[in-house]
Amino acid sequence: MKECILKTNNLTKKYKEFTALDRVNIEIKKGDIYGIIGRNGAGKTTLMKIISTLTTKTDGDFTLFNHEDTDITETKRRIGCLIENAAFFPNLSAYENLKYYAIQKGITNENQIKEALKAVDLENTREKKFKNFSLGMKQRLGIAFAILDNPDFIILDEPINGLDPLGISELRETFKRLNEEKNITILISSHILSELYLIATNFCIIEKGKVVKSLTKEELDKECSKCIIIKTDDVKKVSVILEKELKTTNYKVIDKEEIRLYDYLNHIEKVNKVLVKNDINIKQLGETGISLEDYFKNIIKEENENA
């Protein structure tokens, strides 16, 4: 069984009357690339700040490397963070910037600086000054800063934000390299599911401080897989017909007019025949697949409608 790196238990953060984080429960295992997806202000950064002890919780608790949050002085050394951009000196090179922080951290082995830069593909920047870096290079230097202490677990808040496709691709390779070659477990956030899809192994969708969905990449693939879309003015009756006559519960009610059926993909005419026989008013019937963006929107929509 994989080691549990992080587990939260009803983690809550309030600012007077505002609840930024509402009884959050997540679990991250060793080797995961765990993606937190949520809109701006959903609570992603608050969660990361509590875990990294940059802010305090209001209620609940968490364990880090199986240590209670009241006793993580030693385990904190096993994590690296990039939650707010590190303050790098514009006229210094990548190496010089990291050397400054190495001194601050008490790191005397300069090979750690070289290894950190190599891990993010910045070892050949030589004398190029930070102010002349591309945004992608700046983000990679921030990640080098996060792994300077050779951590087992790194926390990265929106590291892909604002990057062009090339920069995203370069960071994607960096994350995979850190995860696979250095065996670093990664917690990473974004507000765009499609960006994290190519990186993460596990996903957590957060909205208004609450976890509304947790799933693996395999489960996400299944939920976004091909299906038969049925639009009608009587969703309840269609659900009964699917279960009684077509003997399937492999469907999902999207809203008051739409059902998605994941069975009978090669027999859509049979579905149509059964629905017509039962006098169902069919507004639309056809095969479709849901995009990652639409999936995220639907989850958020359902949460807000049920709130």
Protein backbone atom coordinates (compact mmCIF):
# COMPACT_ATOMS: atom_id res chain seq x y z
CA MET A 1 0.00 0.00 0.00
CA LYS A 2 1.28 3.46 -0.91
CA GLU A 3 2.40 5.79 1.84
CA CYS A 4 -0.12 8.50 2.70
CA ILE A 5 1.58 11.86 2.15
CA LEU A 6 -1.31 14.16 3.06
CA LYS A 7 -4.75 13.60 4.54
CA THR A 8 -7.13 16.35 5.59
CA ASN A 9 -10.09 15.94 7.91
CA ASN A 10 -12.88 18.53 7.67
CA LEU A 11 -10.30 21.26 7.15
CA THR A 12 -11.98 24.65 7.54
CA LYS A 13 -10.87 28.27 7.30
CA LYS A 14 -13.06 31.26 8.14
CA TYR A 15 -12.42 34.97 7.91
CA LYS A 16 -15.07 36.47 10.21
CA GLU A 17 -18.35 35.63 8.42
CA PHE A 18 -16.70 34.36 5.23
CA THR A 19 -15.88 30.66 4.91
CA ALA A 20 -12.93 30.25 2.56
CA LEU A 21 -12.57 26.52 3.15
CA ASP A 22 -15.48 24.34 4.25
CA ARG A 23 -14.78 20.89 5.76
CA VAL A 24 -12.36 19.76 3.06
CA ASN A 25 -11.33 16.10 2.93
CA ILE A 26 -8.62 14.97 0.51
CA GLU A 27 -6.01 12.23 0.55
CA ILE A 28 -2.76 12.20 -1.43
CA LYS A 29 -0.66 9.05 -1.76
CA LYS A 30 3.05 8.78 -2.53
CA GLY A 31 3.72 9.17 -6.25
CA ASP A 32 0.49 11.04 -7.02
CA ILE A 33 0.29 14.16 -9.10
CA TYR A 34 -2.81 15.53 -7.41
CA GLY A 35 -4.61 18.30 -9.27
CA ILE A 36 -6.93 20.73 -7.53
CA ILE A 37 -9.27 22.46 -9.98
CA GLY A 38 -11.42 25.44 -9.10
CA ARG A 39 -12.36 28.90 -10.21
CA ASN A 40 -10.47 31.89 -8.91
CA GLY A 41 -11.44 32.36 -5.27
CA ALA A 42 -12.69 28.78 -4.87
CA GLY A 43 -10.31 28.05 -1.98
CA LYS A 44 -7.36 26.38 -3.72
CA THR A 45 -4.70 28.76 -2.40
CA THR A 46 -6.19 28.80 1.10
CA LEU A 47 -5.97 25.02 1.26
CA MET A 48 -2.35 25.05 0.11
CA LYS A 49 -1.39 27.78 2.58
CA ILE A 50 -2.82 25.81 5.50
CA ILE A 51 -1.01 22.63 4.49
CA SER A 52 2.28 24.51 4.13
CA THR A 53 1.62 26.37 7.43
CA LEU A 54 1.62 29.79 5.76
CA THR A 55 -1.76 30.39 7.39
CA THR A 56 -3.68 28.78 10.24
CA LYS A 57 -6.80 26.63 10.10
CA THR A 58 -10.04 27.51 11.87
CA ASP A 59 -11.20 23.94 12.37
CA GLY A 60 -10.46 20.37 11.32
CA ASP A 61 -7.00 18.87 11.04
CA PHE A 62 -4.56 17.21 8.67
CA THR A 63 -1.67 14.77 8.73
CA LEU A 64 1.55 15.21 6.74
CA PHE A 65 3.67 12.08 6.32
CA ASN A 66 1.47 10.55 9.06
CA HIS A 67 2.35 13.33 11.51
CA GLU A 68 -0.45 15.38 13.04
CA ASP A 69 -0.54 19.05 12.00
CA THR A 70 0.36 20.01 15.56
CA ASP A 71 3.67 18.15 15.21
CA ILE A 72 5.07 18.75 11.72
CA THR A 73 8.19 20.78 12.48
CA GLU A 74 10.42 18.02 11.15
CA THR A 75 8.16 16.89 8.30
CA LYS A 76 7.96 20.45 6.95
CA ARG A 77 11.52 19.94 5.76
CA ARG A 78 10.23 17.26 3.40
CA ILE A 79 7.98 19.65 1.48
CA GLY A 80 8.70 22.42 -1.02
CA CYS A 81 6.27 25.17 -1.94
CA LEU A 82 5.62 27.63 -4.71
CA ILE A 83 2.42 29.32 -3.59
CA GLU A 84 3.35 32.93 -4.07
CA ASN A 85 6.06 33.79 -6.56
CA ALA A 86 9.52 33.71 -5.02
CA ALA A 87 11.23 37.13 -5.04
CA PHE A 88 14.10 36.67 -7.46
CA PHE A 89 16.70 39.33 -8.14
CA PRO A 90 16.30 40.67 -11.71
CA ASN A 91 20.02 41.24 -12.31
CA LEU A 92 21.17 37.84 -11.07
CA SER A 93 21.34 34.58 -13.02
CA ALA A 94 19.32 31.48 -12.17
CA TYR A 95 22.31 29.98 -10.36
CA GLU A 96 23.05 33.18 -8.41
CA ASN A 97 19.42 33.52 -7.33
CA LEU A 98 19.28 29.95 -6.06
CA LYS A 99 22.65 30.35 -4.34
CA TYR A 100 21.25 33.30 -2.40
CA TYR A 101 18.32 31.18 -1.19
CA ALA A 102 20.57 28.21 -0.49
CA ILE A 103 22.56 30.40 1.90
CA GLN A 104 19.29 31.51 3.57
CA LYS A 105 18.28 27.85 3.97
CA GLY A 106 21.68 26.80 5.29
CA ILE A 107 22.45 24.62 2.26
CA THR A 108 26.21 24.30 1.87
CA ASN A 109 26.34 21.69 -0.91
CA GLU A 110 26.35 23.67 -4.17
CA ASN A 111 25.59 20.49 -6.08
CA GLN A 112 22.04 20.83 -4.80
CA ILE A 113 21.73 24.08 -6.73
CA LYS A 114 23.07 22.45 -9.89
CA GLU A 115 20.76 19.46 -9.48
CA ALA A 116 17.72 21.69 -8.95
CA LEU A 117 18.50 23.68 -12.08
CA LYS A 118 19.12 20.50 -14.07
CA ALA A 119 15.81 19.04 -12.93
CA VAL A 120 13.92 21.98 -14.45
CA ASP A 121 16.15 22.24 -17.53
CA LEU A 122 17.79 25.54 -16.57
CA GLU A 123 21.35 24.31 -16.06
CA ASN A 124 22.56 25.94 -19.29
CA THR A 125 21.24 29.47 -18.72
CA ARG A 126 24.74 30.52 -17.57
CA GLU A 127 24.92 34.29 -17.09
CA LYS A 128 21.49 35.12 -18.47
CA LYS A 129 19.78 37.48 -16.03
CA PHE A 130 16.41 36.70 -14.50
CA LYS A 131 14.88 39.86 -15.96
CA ASN A 132 15.52 38.46 -19.44
CA PHE A 133 13.84 35.11 -18.73
CA SER A 134 10.63 34.10 -20.48
CA LEU A 135 7.60 33.54 -18.24
CA GLY A 136 8.09 29.79 -18.60
CA MET A 137 11.72 30.04 -17.48
CA LYS A 138 10.68 32.15 -14.49
CA GLN A 139 8.12 29.52 -13.50
CA ARG A 140 10.70 26.75 -13.84
CA LEU A 141 13.14 28.69 -11.65
CA GLY A 142 10.36 28.96 -9.07
CA ILE A 143 10.01 25.18 -9.17
CA ALA A 144 13.80 24.82 -8.81
CA PHE A 145 13.49 26.97 -5.69
CA ALA A 146 10.74 24.63 -4.39
CA ILE A 147 12.91 21.52 -4.85
CA LEU A 148 16.16 23.05 -3.59
CA ASP A 149 15.90 21.12 -0.30
CA ASN A 150 15.34 17.79 -2.11
CA PRO A 151 11.73 17.48 -0.86
CA ASP A 152 9.52 14.42 -1.13
CA PHE A 153 6.39 16.52 -1.70
CA ILE A 154 5.93 19.84 -3.51
CA ILE A 155 2.95 22.20 -3.50
CA LEU A 156 2.50 24.38 -6.60
CA ASP A 157 -0.24 27.00 -6.87
CA GLU A 158 -1.29 27.85 -10.45
CA PRO A 159 2.22 27.37 -11.94
CA ILE A 160 0.78 27.10 -15.47
CA ASN A 161 -1.21 30.31 -15.25
CA GLY A 162 -0.43 32.75 -18.07
CA LEU A 163 1.92 30.48 -19.98
CA ASP A 164 1.75 29.99 -23.74
CA PRO A 165 1.34 26.45 -25.17
CA LEU A 166 5.12 25.96 -25.42
CA GLY A 167 5.63 27.04 -21.82
CA ILE A 168 2.86 24.70 -20.65
CA SER A 169 4.42 21.83 -22.59
CA GLU A 170 7.85 22.50 -21.05
CA LEU A 171 6.41 22.60 -17.53
CA ARG A 172 4.45 19.43 -18.19
CA GLU A 173 7.68 17.61 -18.97
CA THR A 174 9.27 19.11 -15.86
CA PHE A 175 6.47 17.79 -13.63
CA LYS A 176 6.68 14.32 -15.14
CA ARG A 177 10.44 14.27 -14.73
CA LEU A 178 10.24 15.32 -11.07
CA ASN A 179 7.53 12.76 -10.39
CA GLU A 180 9.05 9.81 -12.26
CA GLU A 181 12.79 10.34 -11.90
CA LYS A 182 12.98 12.03 -8.50
CA ASN A 183 9.90 10.29 -7.07
CA ILE A 184 8.40 13.58 -5.89
CA THR A 185 4.70 13.66 -5.03
CA ILE A 186 3.05 16.80 -6.41
CA LEU A 187 0.03 18.85 -5.36
CA ILE A 188 -0.79 21.32 -8.13
CA SER A 189 -3.69 23.70 -8.70
CA SER A 190 -5.26 25.34 -11.73
CA HIS A 191 -8.57 26.83 -12.80
CA ILE A 192 -8.49 24.97 -16.13
CA LEU A 193 -9.15 21.21 -16.06
CA SER A 194 -7.75 20.57 -19.53
CA GLU A 195 -4.36 21.94 -18.46
CA LEU A 196 -4.11 19.57 -15.51
CA TYR A 197 -5.52 16.60 -17.42
CA LEU A 198 -2.21 15.98 -19.22
CA ILE A 199 -0.29 16.08 -15.94
CA ALA A 200 -2.32 14.78 -13.02
CA THR A 201 -3.15 11.26 -11.86
CA ASN A 202 -5.87 12.38 -9.44
CA PHE A 203 -8.28 15.30 -9.42
CA CYS A 204 -10.26 17.28 -6.88
CA ILE A 205 -12.80 19.91 -7.95
CA ILE A 206 -13.40 22.64 -5.40
CA GLU A 207 -16.11 25.31 -5.44
CA LYS A 208 -16.85 27.95 -2.80
CA GLY A 209 -14.46 26.27 -0.39
CA LYS A 210 -16.05 22.81 -0.72
CA VAL A 211 -14.80 19.67 -2.43
CA VAL A 212 -17.54 18.81 -4.91
CA LYS A 213 -15.82 15.94 -6.73
CA SER A 214 -12.76 13.73 -6.25
CA LEU A 215 -11.74 11.19 -8.88
CA THR A 216 -8.83 9.45 -10.56
CA LYS A 217 -7.79 10.09 -14.14
CA GLU A 218 -9.37 6.77 -15.15
CA GLU A 219 -12.67 7.79 -13.55
CA LEU A 220 -12.52 11.18 -15.27
CA ASP A 221 -11.97 9.48 -18.62
CA LYS A 222 -15.04 7.37 -18.03
CA GLU A 223 -17.21 10.32 -17.06
CA CYS A 224 -16.15 12.21 -20.19
CA SER A 225 -16.47 9.18 -22.47
CA LYS A 226 -18.84 8.77 -25.39
CA CYS A 227 -22.51 8.56 -24.54
CA ILE A 228 -26.01 8.91 -25.96
CA ILE A 229 -27.47 12.29 -25.18
CA ILE A 230 -31.24 12.35 -24.63
CA LYS A 231 -33.04 15.68 -24.42
CA THR A 232 -36.65 15.52 -23.33
CA ASP A 233 -39.25 17.33 -21.25
CA ASP A 234 -39.76 14.31 -18.97
CA VAL A 235 -36.39 13.25 -17.53
CA LYS A 236 -37.98 11.34 -14.67
CA LYS A 237 -40.05 9.13 -16.96
CA VAL A 238 -37.07 8.46 -19.23
CA SER A 239 -35.02 7.35 -16.20
CA VAL A 240 -37.72 4.82 -15.27
CA ILE A 241 -37.84 3.49 -18.86
CA LEU A 242 -34.06 3.10 -19.04
CA GLU A 243 -34.04 1.05 -15.86
CA LYS A 244 -37.19 -1.03 -16.43
CA GLU A 245 -37.11 -1.67 -20.17
CA LEU A 246 -33.46 -1.27 -21.14
CA LYS A 247 -32.20 -2.74 -17.86
CA THR A 248 -29.49 -0.13 -17.30
CA THR A 249 -28.54 2.28 -14.56
CA ASN A 250 -25.46 3.43 -16.46
CA TYR A 251 -26.81 6.91 -17.13
CA LYS A 252 -26.58 10.36 -15.60
CA VAL A 253 -29.20 13.08 -15.27
CA ILE A 254 -27.50 16.34 -16.29
CA ASP A 255 -30.40 18.73 -15.74
CA LYS A 256 -34.20 18.86 -16.05
CA GLU A 257 -34.03 18.28 -19.82
CA GLU A 258 -30.95 16.11 -20.39
CA ILE A 259 -29.84 12.54 -19.67
CA ARG A 260 -26.59 10.93 -20.79
CA LEU A 261 -26.69 7.17 -21.39
CA TYR A 262 -23.38 5.27 -21.41
CA ASP A 263 -24.82 1.95 -22.61
CA TYR A 264 -26.31 1.03 -26.03
CA LEU A 265 -23.75 3.13 -27.92
CA ASN A 266 -23.99 0.75 -30.88
CA HIS A 267 -27.75 0.38 -30.61
CA ILE A 268 -29.05 3.94 -30.50
CA GLU A 269 -31.98 2.91 -32.71
CA LYS A 270 -33.16 0.52 -29.96
CA VAL A 271 -33.11 3.35 -27.43
CA ASN A 272 -35.09 5.52 -29.82
CA LYS A 273 -37.64 2.75 -30.46
CA VAL A 274 -38.24 2.14 -26.74
CA LEU A 275 -38.63 5.84 -25.97
CA VAL A 276 -41.04 6.41 -28.87
CA LYS A 277 -43.09 3.35 -27.84
CA ASN A 278 -43.50 4.94 -24.40
CA ASP A 279 -44.68 8.27 -25.86
CA ILE A 280 -41.59 10.20 -24.82
CA ASN A 281 -41.27 13.61 -26.41
CA ILE A 282 -37.68 13.45 -27.73
CA LYS A 283 -36.12 16.84 -28.40
CA GLN A 284 -32.71 15.41 -29.24
CA LEU A 285 -31.19 11.94 -29.43
CA GLY A 286 -27.65 11.34 -30.59
CA GLU A 287 -24.15 10.23 -29.71
CA THR A 288 -21.78 12.70 -28.12
CA GLY A 289 -18.78 13.01 -25.83
CA ILE A 290 -18.37 15.65 -23.16
CA SER A 291 -15.31 17.90 -23.22
CA LEU A 292 -13.24 18.43 -20.09
CA GLU A 293 -14.33 22.06 -20.01
CA ASP A 294 -18.02 21.14 -20.21
CA TYR A 295 -17.56 18.47 -17.57
CA PHE A 296 -16.04 21.01 -15.18
CA LYS A 297 -18.83 23.52 -15.91
CA ASN A 298 -21.50 20.88 -15.30
CA ILE A 299 -20.02 19.87 -11.94
CA ILE A 300 -19.89 23.51 -10.83
CA LYS A 301 -23.41 24.14 -12.14
CA GLU A 302 -24.81 21.14 -10.24
CA GLU A 303 -23.11 22.26 -7.03
CA ASN A 304 -24.51 25.79 -7.25
CA GLU A 305 -28.01 24.55 -8.08
CA ASN A 306 -27.97 22.22 -5.08
CA ALA A 307 -26.48 24.81 -2.72
